[in-house]
Amino acid sequence: MGCLIPTWAGTVGACIDNGVIVQRYCERCQRRHPVDLAAMKAAHGTDYWLWDRRTPCPYCGGTLPFMFSPGKSTPTTPMISTNRHDVARSARTRAEQDG
């Protein structure tokens, strides 16, 4: 069974509206990087899809998936879908956004 993407944490706008904490974690250098959702919203818009995206680590060049948590005392979960339908939807959404 694959990962079901929660609607309250799928896009930048949904994360902001629902108080979701988003960060990136580099497995290579073990650093956590906070994500400025307001800046991301300004750059990409509220419908920017975070799932299955990776960004480079500014310290070591590793690739960082986005991680989310519904609150400060809740562990983070990688924003990586494992369901083939979710992956296909993520790819379509990224292609539309990157256009």
PDB file of N, CA and C in Angstrom:
ATOM      1  N   MET A   1       0.843  -1.179   0.000  1.00  0.00           N
ATOM      2  CA  MET A   1       0.000   0.000   0.000  1.00  0.00           C
ATOM      3  C   MET A   1       0.882   1.235   0.000  1.00  0.00           C
ATOM      4  N   GLY A   2       0.540   2.194  -0.773  1.00  0.00           N
ATOM      5  CA  GLY A   2       1.341   3.398  -0.899  1.00  0.00           C
ATOM      6  C   GLY A   2       0.974   4.467   0.105  1.00  0.00           C
ATOM      7  N   CYS A   3       1.667   5.536   0.017  1.00  0.00           N
ATOM      8  CA  CYS A   3       1.451   6.691   0.878  1.00  0.00           C
ATOM      9  C   CYS A   3       0.247   7.486   0.367  1.00  0.00           C
ATOM     10  N   LEU A   4      -0.649   7.821   1.249  1.00  0.00           N
ATOM     11  CA  LEU A   4      -1.755   8.695   0.888  1.00  0.00           C
ATOM     12  C   LEU A   4      -1.347  10.117   1.244  1.00  0.00           C
ATOM     13  N   ILE A   5      -1.382  10.987   0.280  1.00  0.00           N
ATOM     14  CA  ILE A   5      -0.955  12.365   0.505  1.00  0.00           C
ATOM     15  C   ILE A   5      -2.084  13.129   1.178  1.00  0.00           C
ATOM     16  N   PRO A   6      -1.839  13.664   2.374  1.00  0.00           N
ATOM     17  CA  PRO A   6      -2.895  14.408   3.058  1.00  0.00           C
ATOM     18  C   PRO A   6      -3.177  15.735   2.344  1.00  0.00           C
ATOM     19  N   THR A   7      -4.443  16.031   2.147  1.00  0.00           N
ATOM     20  CA  THR A   7      -4.812  17.270   1.450  1.00  0.00           C
ATOM     21  C   THR A   7      -4.370  18.493   2.228  1.00  0.00           C
ATOM     22  N   TRP A   8      -4.251  18.385   3.542  1.00  0.00           N
ATOM     23  CA  TRP A   8      -3.865  19.521   4.370  1.00  0.00           C
ATOM     24  C   TRP A   8      -2.361  19.794   4.316  1.00  0.00           C
ATOM     25  N   ALA A   9      -1.604  18.969   3.570  1.00  0.00           N
ATOM     26  CA  ALA A   9      -0.156  19.175   3.480  1.00  0.00           C
ATOM     27  C   ALA A   9       0.365  18.935   2.075  1.00  0.00           C
ATOM     28  N   GLY A  10      -0.457  19.093   1.062  1.00  0.00           N
ATOM     29  CA  GLY A  10      -0.016  18.801  -0.295  1.00  0.00           C
ATOM     30  C   GLY A  10       0.674  19.962  -0.987  1.00  0.00           C
ATOM     31  N   THR A  11       0.193  21.163  -0.735  1.00  0.00           N
ATOM     32  CA  THR A  11       0.734  22.342  -1.411  1.00  0.00           C
ATOM     33  C   THR A  11       1.242  23.350  -0.389  1.00  0.00           C
ATOM     34  N   VAL A  12       1.974  24.336  -0.882  1.00  0.00           N
ATOM     35  CA  VAL A  12       2.454  25.400   0.004  1.00  0.00           C
ATOM     36  C   VAL A  12       1.282  26.093   0.693  1.00  0.00           C
ATOM     37  N   GLY A  13       0.241  26.406  -0.075  1.00  0.00           N
ATOM     38  CA  GLY A  13      -0.922  27.084   0.496  1.00  0.00           C
ATOM     39  C   GLY A  13      -1.605  26.264   1.571  1.00  0.00           C
ATOM     40  N   ALA A  14      -1.753  24.954   1.331  1.00  0.00           N
ATOM     41  CA  ALA A  14      -2.380  24.077   2.319  1.00  0.00           C
ATOM     42  C   ALA A  14      -1.539  24.011   3.592  1.00  0.00           C
ATOM     43  N   CYS A  15      -0.223  23.946   3.439  1.00  0.00           N
ATOM     44  CA  CYS A  15       0.660  23.908   4.613  1.00  0.00           C
ATOM     45  C   CYS A  15       0.537  25.192   5.428  1.00  0.00           C
ATOM     46  N   ILE A  16       0.498  26.314   4.752  1.00  0.00           N
ATOM     47  CA  ILE A  16       0.361  27.597   5.455  1.00  0.00           C
ATOM     48  C   ILE A  16      -0.988  27.666   6.159  1.00  0.00           C
ATOM     49  N   ASP A  17      -2.059  27.337   5.436  1.00  0.00           N
ATOM     50  CA  ASP A  17      -3.409  27.413   6.000  1.00  0.00           C
ATOM     51  C   ASP A  17      -3.601  26.511   7.206  1.00  0.00           C
ATOM     52  N   ASN A  18      -2.900  25.381   7.239  1.00  0.00           N
ATOM     53  CA  ASN A  18      -3.096  24.402   8.298  1.00  0.00           C
ATOM     54  C   ASN A  18      -1.978  24.368   9.332  1.00  0.00           C
ATOM     55  N   GLY A  19      -1.067  25.332   9.261  1.00  0.00           N
ATOM     56  CA  GLY A  19       0.003  25.427  10.258  1.00  0.00           C
ATOM     57  C   GLY A  19       0.996  24.274  10.214  1.00  0.00           C
ATOM     58  N   VAL A  20       1.172  23.686   9.058  1.00  0.00           N
ATOM     59  CA  VAL A  20       2.091  22.560   8.908  1.00  0.00           C
ATOM     60  C   VAL A  20       3.529  23.085   8.938  1.00  0.00           C
ATOM     61  N   ILE A  21       4.375  22.399   9.667  1.00  0.00           N
ATOM     62  CA  ILE A  21       5.796  22.739   9.721  1.00  0.00           C
ATOM     63  C   ILE A  21       6.501  21.965   8.608  1.00  0.00           C
ATOM     64  N   VAL A  22       7.251  22.675   7.772  1.00  0.00           N
ATOM     65  CA  VAL A  22       7.966  22.037   6.667  1.00  0.00           C
ATOM     66  C   VAL A  22       9.455  22.337   6.812  1.00  0.00           C
ATOM     67  N   GLN A  23      10.258  21.314   6.632  1.00  0.00           N
ATOM     68  CA  GLN A  23      11.704  21.475   6.653  1.00  0.00           C
ATOM     69  C   GLN A  23      12.308  20.482   5.680  1.00  0.00           C
ATOM     70  N   ARG A  24      13.608  20.588   5.490  1.00  0.00           N
ATOM     71  CA  ARG A  24      14.346  19.644   4.660  1.00  0.00           C
ATOM     72  C   ARG A  24      15.403  19.007   5.544  1.00  0.00           C
ATOM     73  N   TYR A  25      15.734  17.750   5.258  1.00  0.00           N
ATOM     74  CA  TYR A  25      16.741  17.045   6.043  1.00  0.00           C
ATOM     75  C   TYR A  25      17.723  16.355   5.098  1.00  0.00           C
ATOM     76  N   CYS A  26      18.997  16.610   5.326  1.00  0.00           N
ATOM     77  CA  CYS A  26      20.034  16.006   4.498  1.00  0.00           C
ATOM     78  C   CYS A  26      20.581  14.756   5.201  1.00  0.00           C
ATOM     79  N   GLU A  27      20.398  13.613   4.566  1.00  0.00           N
ATOM     80  CA  GLU A  27      20.910  12.369   5.145  1.00  0.00           C
ATOM     81  C   GLU A  27      22.431  12.302   5.079  1.00  0.00           C
ATOM     82  N   ARG A  28      23.021  12.991   4.115  1.00  0.00           N
ATOM     83  CA  ARG A  28      24.471  12.949   3.959  1.00  0.00           C
ATOM     84  C   ARG A  28      25.185  13.701   5.084  1.00  0.00           C
ATOM     85  N   CYS A  29      24.802  14.942   5.336  1.00  0.00           N
ATOM     86  CA  CYS A  29      25.510  15.723   6.364  1.00  0.00           C
ATOM     87  C   CYS A  29      24.713  15.865   7.666  1.00  0.00           C
ATOM     88  N   GLN A  30      23.527  15.276   7.714  1.00  0.00           N
ATOM     89  CA  GLN A  30      22.706  15.229   8.929  1.00  0.00           C
ATOM     90  C   GLN A  30      22.207  16.594   9.403  1.00  0.00           C
ATOM     91  N   ARG A  31      22.040  17.535   8.486  1.00  0.00           N
ATOM     92  CA  ARG A  31      21.556  18.866   8.873  1.00  0.00           C
ATOM     93  C   ARG A  31      20.087  19.021   8.509  1.00  0.00           C
ATOM     94  N   ARG A  32      19.369  19.742   9.361  1.00  0.00           N
ATOM     95  CA  ARG A  32      17.977  20.096   9.083  1.00  0.00           C
ATOM     96  C   ARG A  32      17.955  21.537   8.601  1.00  0.00           C
ATOM     97  N   HIS A  33      17.099  21.801   7.626  1.00  0.00           N
ATOM     98  CA  HIS A  33      16.987  23.128   7.049  1.00  0.00           C
ATOM     99  C   HIS A  33      15.527  23.565   7.108  1.00  0.00           C
ATOM    100  N   PRO A  34      15.219  24.637   7.823  1.00  0.00           N
ATOM    101  CA  PRO A  34      13.832  25.109   7.854  1.00  0.00           C
ATOM    102  C   PRO A  34      13.415  25.636   6.481  1.00  0.00           C
ATOM    103  N   VAL A  35      12.140  25.540   6.199  1.00  0.00           N
ATOM    104  CA  VAL A  35      11.593  26.022   4.930  1.00  0.00           C
ATOM    105  C   VAL A  35      10.732  27.248   5.222  1.00  0.00           C
ATOM    106  N   ASP A  36      11.013  28.340   4.537  1.00  0.00           N
ATOM    107  CA  ASP A  36      10.221  29.564   4.665  1.00  0.00           C
ATOM    108  C   ASP A  36       9.048  29.466   3.699  1.00  0.00           C
ATOM    109  N   LEU A  37       7.901  29.020   4.211  1.00  0.00           N
ATOM    110  CA  LEU A  37       6.737  28.812   3.356  1.00  0.00           C
ATOM    111  C   LEU A  37       6.227  30.119   2.747  1.00  0.00           C
ATOM    112  N   ALA A  38       6.337  31.227   3.471  1.00  0.00           N
ATOM    113  CA  ALA A  38       5.896  32.518   2.926  1.00  0.00           C
ATOM    114  C   ALA A  38       6.739  32.909   1.715  1.00  0.00           C
ATOM    115  N   ALA A  39       8.043  32.697   1.805  1.00  0.00           N
ATOM    116  CA  ALA A  39       8.927  32.998   0.667  1.00  0.00           C
ATOM    117  C   ALA A  39       8.646  32.053  -0.495  1.00  0.00           C
ATOM    118  N   MET A  40       8.382  30.789  -0.179  1.00  0.00           N
ATOM    119  CA  MET A  40       8.080  29.824  -1.230  1.00  0.00           C
ATOM    120  C   MET A  40       6.758  30.179  -1.916  1.00  0.00           C
ATOM    121  N   LYS A  41       5.797  30.635  -1.128  1.00  0.00           N
ATOM    122  CA  LYS A  41       4.505  31.063  -1.690  1.00  0.00           C
ATOM    123  C   LYS A  41       4.711  32.262  -2.617  1.00  0.00           C
ATOM    124  N   ALA A  42       5.529  33.222  -2.187  1.00  0.00           N
ATOM    125  CA  ALA A  42       5.793  34.408  -3.013  1.00  0.00           C
ATOM    126  C   ALA A  42       6.487  34.028  -4.319  1.00  0.00           C
ATOM    127  N   ALA A  43       7.375  33.054  -4.268  1.00  0.00           N
ATOM    128  CA  ALA A  43       8.129  32.656  -5.456  1.00  0.00           C
ATOM    129  C   ALA A  43       7.343  31.744  -6.398  1.00  0.00           C
ATOM    130  N   HIS A  44       6.510  30.861  -5.831  1.00  0.00           N
ATOM    131  CA  HIS A  44       5.876  29.817  -6.652  1.00  0.00           C
ATOM    132  C   HIS A  44       4.351  29.813  -6.619  1.00  0.00           C
ATOM    133  N   GLY A  45       3.746  30.505  -5.661  1.00  0.00           N
ATOM    134  CA  GLY A  45       2.288  30.504  -5.554  1.00  0.00           C
ATOM    135  C   GLY A  45       1.773  29.484  -4.553  1.00  0.00           C
ATOM    136  N   THR A  46       0.497  29.591  -4.216  1.00  0.00           N
ATOM    137  CA  THR A  46      -0.094  28.721  -3.186  1.00  0.00           C
ATOM    138  C   THR A  46      -0.277  27.279  -3.643  1.00  0.00           C
ATOM    139  N   ASP A  47      -0.380  27.042  -4.938  1.00  0.00           N
ATOM    140  CA  ASP A  47      -0.625  25.689  -5.432  1.00  0.00           C
ATOM    141  C   ASP A  47       0.652  24.908  -5.730  1.00  0.00           C
ATOM    142  N   TYR A  48       1.793  25.449  -5.322  1.00  0.00           N
ATOM    143  CA  TYR A  48       3.072  24.772  -5.560  1.00  0.00           C
ATOM    144  C   TYR A  48       3.096  23.454  -4.789  1.00  0.00           C
ATOM    145  N   TRP A  49       3.316  22.371  -5.480  1.00  0.00           N
ATOM    146  CA  TRP A  49       3.277  21.016  -4.949  1.00  0.00           C
ATOM    147  C   TRP A  49       4.631  20.660  -4.344  1.00  0.00           C
ATOM    148  N   LEU A  50       4.652  20.256  -3.071  1.00  0.00           N
ATOM    149  CA  LEU A  50       5.904  19.950  -2.375  1.00  0.00           C
ATOM    150  C   LEU A  50       6.294  18.479  -2.436  1.00  0.00           C
ATOM    151  N   TRP A  51       5.337  17.610  -2.641  1.00  0.00           N
ATOM    152  CA  TRP A  51       5.607  16.175  -2.598  1.00  0.00           C
ATOM    153  C   TRP A  51       6.500  15.738  -3.760  1.00  0.00           C
ATOM    154  N   ASP A  52       7.412  14.841  -3.454  1.00  0.00           N
ATOM    155  CA  ASP A  52       8.335  14.244  -4.421  1.00  0.00           C
ATOM    156  C   ASP A  52       9.296  15.244  -5.056  1.00  0.00           C
ATOM    157  N   ARG A  53       9.504  16.366  -4.415  1.00  0.00           N
ATOM    158  CA  ARG A  53      10.512  17.339  -4.870  1.00  0.00           C
ATOM    159  C   ARG A  53      11.745  17.211  -3.987  1.00  0.00           C
ATOM    160  N   ARG A  54      12.882  17.453  -4.566  1.00  0.00           N
ATOM    161  CA  ARG A  54      14.146  17.455  -3.822  1.00  0.00           C
ATOM    162  C   ARG A  54      14.925  18.712  -4.198  1.00  0.00           C
ATOM    163  N   THR A  55      15.637  19.238  -3.234  1.00  0.00           N
ATOM    164  CA  THR A  55      16.463  20.416  -3.461  1.00  0.00           C
ATOM    165  C   THR A  55      17.884  20.105  -3.003  1.00  0.00           C
ATOM    166  N   PRO A  56      18.881  20.801  -3.533  1.00  0.00           N
ATOM    167  CA  PRO A  56      20.263  20.516  -3.121  1.00  0.00           C
ATOM    168  C   PRO A  56      20.573  21.077  -1.735  1.00  0.00           C
ATOM    169  N   CYS A  57      21.393  20.357  -1.006  1.00  0.00           N
ATOM    170  CA  CYS A  57      21.849  20.817   0.308  1.00  0.00           C
ATOM    171  C   CYS A  57      22.885  21.923   0.098  1.00  0.00           C
ATOM    172  N   PRO A  58      22.725  23.066   0.769  1.00  0.00           N
ATOM    173  CA  PRO A  58      23.685  24.154   0.587  1.00  0.00           C
ATOM    174  C   PRO A  58      25.057  23.868   1.216  1.00  0.00           C
ATOM    175  N   TYR A  59      25.142  22.821   2.050  1.00  0.00           N
ATOM    176  CA  TYR A  59      26.401  22.525   2.726  1.00  0.00           C
ATOM    177  C   TYR A  59      27.223  21.439   2.033  1.00  0.00           C
ATOM    178  N   CYS A  60      26.546  20.368   1.573  1.00  0.00           N
ATOM    179  CA  CYS A  60      27.308  19.244   1.032  1.00  0.00           C
ATOM    180  C   CYS A  60      26.894  18.838  -0.378  1.00  0.00           C
ATOM    181  N   GLY A  61      25.827  19.431  -0.909  1.00  0.00           N
ATOM    182  CA  GLY A  61      25.382  19.089  -2.251  1.00  0.00           C
ATOM    183  C   GLY A  61      24.470  17.879  -2.330  1.00  0.00           C
ATOM    184  N   GLY A  62      24.177  17.251  -1.185  1.00  0.00           N
ATOM    185  CA  GLY A  62      23.243  16.129  -1.176  1.00  0.00           C
ATOM    186  C   GLY A  62      21.851  16.602  -1.586  1.00  0.00           C
ATOM    187  N   THR A  63      20.950  15.661  -1.809  1.00  0.00           N
ATOM    188  CA  THR A  63      19.595  16.050  -2.190  1.00  0.00           C
ATOM    189  C   THR A  63      18.668  15.927  -0.988  1.00  0.00           C
ATOM    190  N   LEU A  64      17.818  16.925  -0.835  1.00  0.00           N
ATOM    191  CA  LEU A  64      16.950  17.010   0.334  1.00  0.00           C
ATOM    192  C   LEU A  64      15.483  16.895  -0.039  1.00  0.00           C
ATOM    193  N   PRO A  65      14.781  15.902   0.485  1.00  0.00           N
ATOM    194  CA  PRO A  65      13.337  15.898   0.307  1.00  0.00           C
ATOM    195  C   PRO A  65      12.705  16.846   1.330  1.00  0.00           C
ATOM    196  N   PHE A  66      11.538  17.319   1.027  1.00  0.00           N
ATOM    197  CA  PHE A  66      10.796  18.095   2.013  1.00  0.00           C
ATOM    198  C   PHE A  66      10.233  17.137   3.058  1.00  0.00           C
ATOM    199  N   MET A  67      10.138  17.610   4.293  1.00  0.00           N
ATOM    200  CA  MET A  67       9.587  16.836   5.409  1.00  0.00           C
ATOM    201  C   MET A  67       8.469  17.678   6.013  1.00  0.00           C
ATOM    202  N   PHE A  68       7.417  17.037   6.521  1.00  0.00           N
ATOM    203  CA  PHE A  68       6.341  17.810   7.127  1.00  0.00           C
ATOM    204  C   PHE A  68       5.952  17.256   8.480  1.00  0.00           C
ATOM    205  N   SER A  69       5.369  18.123   9.281  1.00  0.00           N
ATOM    206  CA  SER A  69       4.847  17.761  10.591  1.00  0.00           C
ATOM    207  C   SER A  69       3.616  18.615  10.854  1.00  0.00           C
ATOM    208  N   PRO A  70       2.548  18.011  11.381  1.00  0.00           N
ATOM    209  CA  PRO A  70       1.357  18.801  11.669  1.00  0.00           C
ATOM    210  C   PRO A  70       1.509  19.715  12.885  1.00  0.00           C
ATOM    211  N   GLY A  71       2.566  19.560  13.658  1.00  0.00           N
ATOM    212  CA  GLY A  71       2.766  20.416  14.823  1.00  0.00           C
ATOM    213  C   GLY A  71       4.153  20.262  15.407  1.00  0.00           C
ATOM    214  N   LYS A  72       4.498  21.128  16.350  1.00  0.00           N
ATOM    215  CA  LYS A  72       5.854  21.168  16.897  1.00  0.00           C
ATOM    216  C   LYS A  72       6.250  19.893  17.642  1.00  0.00           C
ATOM    217  N   SER A  73       5.317  19.218  18.261  1.00  0.00           N
ATOM    218  CA  SER A  73       5.674  18.031  19.045  1.00  0.00           C
ATOM    219  C   SER A  73       5.468  16.730  18.265  1.00  0.00           C
ATOM    220  N   THR A  74       5.239  16.837  16.969  1.00  0.00           N
ATOM    221  CA  THR A  74       5.012  15.665  16.122  1.00  0.00           C
ATOM    222  C   THR A  74       6.227  15.446  15.231  1.00  0.00           C
ATOM    223  N   PRO A  75       6.701  14.207  15.120  1.00  0.00           N
ATOM    224  CA  PRO A  75       7.858  13.943  14.253  1.00  0.00           C
ATOM    225  C   PRO A  75       7.566  14.300  12.793  1.00  0.00           C
ATOM    226  N   THR A  76       8.623  14.611  12.064  1.00  0.00           N
ATOM    227  CA  THR A  76       8.470  14.928  10.645  1.00  0.00           C
ATOM    228  C   THR A  76       8.378  13.646   9.827  1.00  0.00           C
ATOM    229  N   THR A  77       7.714  13.763   8.688  1.00  0.00           N
ATOM    230  CA  THR A  77       7.538  12.659   7.760  1.00  0.00           C
ATOM    231  C   THR A  77       7.983  13.132   6.382  1.00  0.00           C
ATOM    232  N   PRO A  78       8.754  12.323   5.659  1.00  0.00           N
ATOM    233  CA  PRO A  78       9.172  12.738   4.318  1.00  0.00           C
ATOM    234  C   PRO A  78       7.977  12.928   3.387  1.00  0.00           C
ATOM    235  N   MET A  79       8.042  13.949   2.574  1.00  0.00           N
ATOM    236  CA  MET A  79       7.000  14.212   1.586  1.00  0.00           C
ATOM    237  C   MET A  79       7.355  13.461   0.310  1.00  0.00           C
ATOM    238  N   ILE A  80       7.397  12.142   0.432  1.00  0.00           N
ATOM    239  CA  ILE A  80       7.741  11.258  -0.678  1.00  0.00           C
ATOM    240  C   ILE A  80       6.610  10.259  -0.822  1.00  0.00           C
ATOM    241  N   SER A  81       6.001  10.234  -1.978  1.00  0.00           N
ATOM    242  CA  SER A  81       4.919   9.275  -2.202  1.00  0.00           C
ATOM    243  C   SER A  81       5.491   7.977  -2.728  1.00  0.00           C
ATOM    244  N   THR A  82       4.866   6.883  -2.354  1.00  0.00           N
ATOM    245  CA  THR A  82       5.320   5.579  -2.810  1.00  0.00           C
ATOM    246  C   THR A  82       4.279   4.900  -3.691  1.00  0.00           C
ATOM    247  N   ASN A  83       3.101   5.441  -3.733  1.00  0.00           N
ATOM    248  CA  ASN A  83       2.046   4.885  -4.561  1.00  0.00           C
ATOM    249  C   ASN A  83       2.262   5.336  -5.995  1.00  0.00           C
ATOM    250  N   ARG A  84       2.204   4.431  -6.948  1.00  0.00           N
ATOM    251  CA  ARG A  84       2.495   4.790  -8.332  1.00  0.00           C
ATOM    252  C   ARG A  84       1.542   5.849  -8.869  1.00  0.00           C
ATOM    253  N   HIS A  85       0.300   5.871  -8.389  1.00  0.00           N
ATOM    254  CA  HIS A  85      -0.647   6.893  -8.831  1.00  0.00           C
ATOM    255  C   HIS A  85      -0.263   8.259  -8.266  1.00  0.00           C
ATOM    256  N   ASP A  86       0.196   8.264  -7.006  1.00  0.00           N
ATOM    257  CA  ASP A  86       0.650   9.514  -6.407  1.00  0.00           C
ATOM    258  C   ASP A  86       1.878  10.047  -7.131  1.00  0.00           C
ATOM    259  N   VAL A  87       2.809   9.153  -7.492  1.00  0.00           N
ATOM    260  CA  VAL A  87       4.021   9.566  -8.197  1.00  0.00           C
ATOM    261  C   VAL A  87       3.659  10.154  -9.552  1.00  0.00           C
ATOM    262  N   ALA A  88       2.731   9.512 -10.270  1.00  0.00           N
ATOM    263  CA  ALA A  88       2.315  10.027 -11.576  1.00  0.00           C
ATOM    264  C   ALA A  88       1.644  11.382 -11.438  1.00  0.00           C
ATOM    265  N   ARG A  89       0.795  11.536 -10.431  1.00  0.00           N
ATOM    266  CA  ARG A  89       0.127  12.823 -10.207  1.00  0.00           C
ATOM    267  C   ARG A  89       1.151  13.893  -9.852  1.00  0.00           C
ATOM    268  N   SER A  90       2.124  13.549  -9.017  1.00  0.00           N
ATOM    269  CA  SER A  90       3.168  14.503  -8.649  1.00  0.00           C
ATOM    270  C   SER A  90       3.962  14.938  -9.872  1.00  0.00           C
ATOM    271  N   ALA A  91       4.293  13.986 -10.741  1.00  0.00           N
ATOM    272  CA  ALA A  91       5.063  14.310 -11.944  1.00  0.00           C
ATOM    273  C   ALA A  91       4.262  15.228 -12.860  1.00  0.00           C
ATOM    274  N   ARG A  92       2.968  14.956 -13.029  1.00  0.00           N
ATOM    275  CA  ARG A  92       2.125  15.816 -13.866  1.00  0.00           C
ATOM    276  C   ARG A  92       2.042  17.217 -13.271  1.00  0.00           C
ATOM    277  N   THR A  93       1.849  17.297 -11.964  1.00  0.00           N
ATOM    278  CA  THR A  93       1.723  18.596 -11.311  1.00  0.00           C
ATOM    279  C   THR A  93       3.023  19.390 -11.455  1.00  0.00           C
ATOM    280  N   ARG A  94       4.173  18.736 -11.242  1.00  0.00           N
ATOM    281  CA  ARG A  94       5.469  19.414 -11.388  1.00  0.00           C
ATOM    282  C   ARG A  94       5.657  19.892 -12.811  1.00  0.00           C
ATOM    283  N   ALA A  95       5.294  19.064 -13.788  1.00  0.00           N
ATOM    284  CA  ALA A  95       5.454  19.442 -15.195  1.00  0.00           C
ATOM    285  C   ALA A  95       4.598  20.664 -15.516  1.00  0.00           C
ATOM    286  N   GLU A  96       3.389  20.701 -14.980  1.00  0.00           N
ATOM    287  CA  GLU A  96       2.508  21.848 -15.213  1.00  0.00           C
ATOM    288  C   GLU A  96       3.077  23.103 -14.560  1.00  0.00           C
ATOM    289  N   GLN A  97       3.607  22.975 -13.347  1.00  0.00           N
ATOM    290  CA  GLN A  97       4.144  24.123 -12.623  1.00  0.00           C
ATOM    291  C   GLN A  97       5.453  24.607 -13.226  1.00  0.00           C
ATOM    292  N   ASP A  98       6.286  23.676 -13.661  1.00  0.00           N
ATOM    293  CA  ASP A  98       7.587  24.054 -14.213  1.00  0.00           C
ATOM    294  C   ASP A  98       7.483  24.484 -15.665  1.00  0.00           C
ATOM    295  N   GLY A  99       6.333  24.151 -16.275  1.00  0.00           N
ATOM    296  CA  GLY A  99       5.921  24.459 -17.551  1.00  0.00           C
ATOM    297  C   GLY A  99       6.594  24.851 -18.697  1.00  0.00           C
TER     298      GLY A  99
END
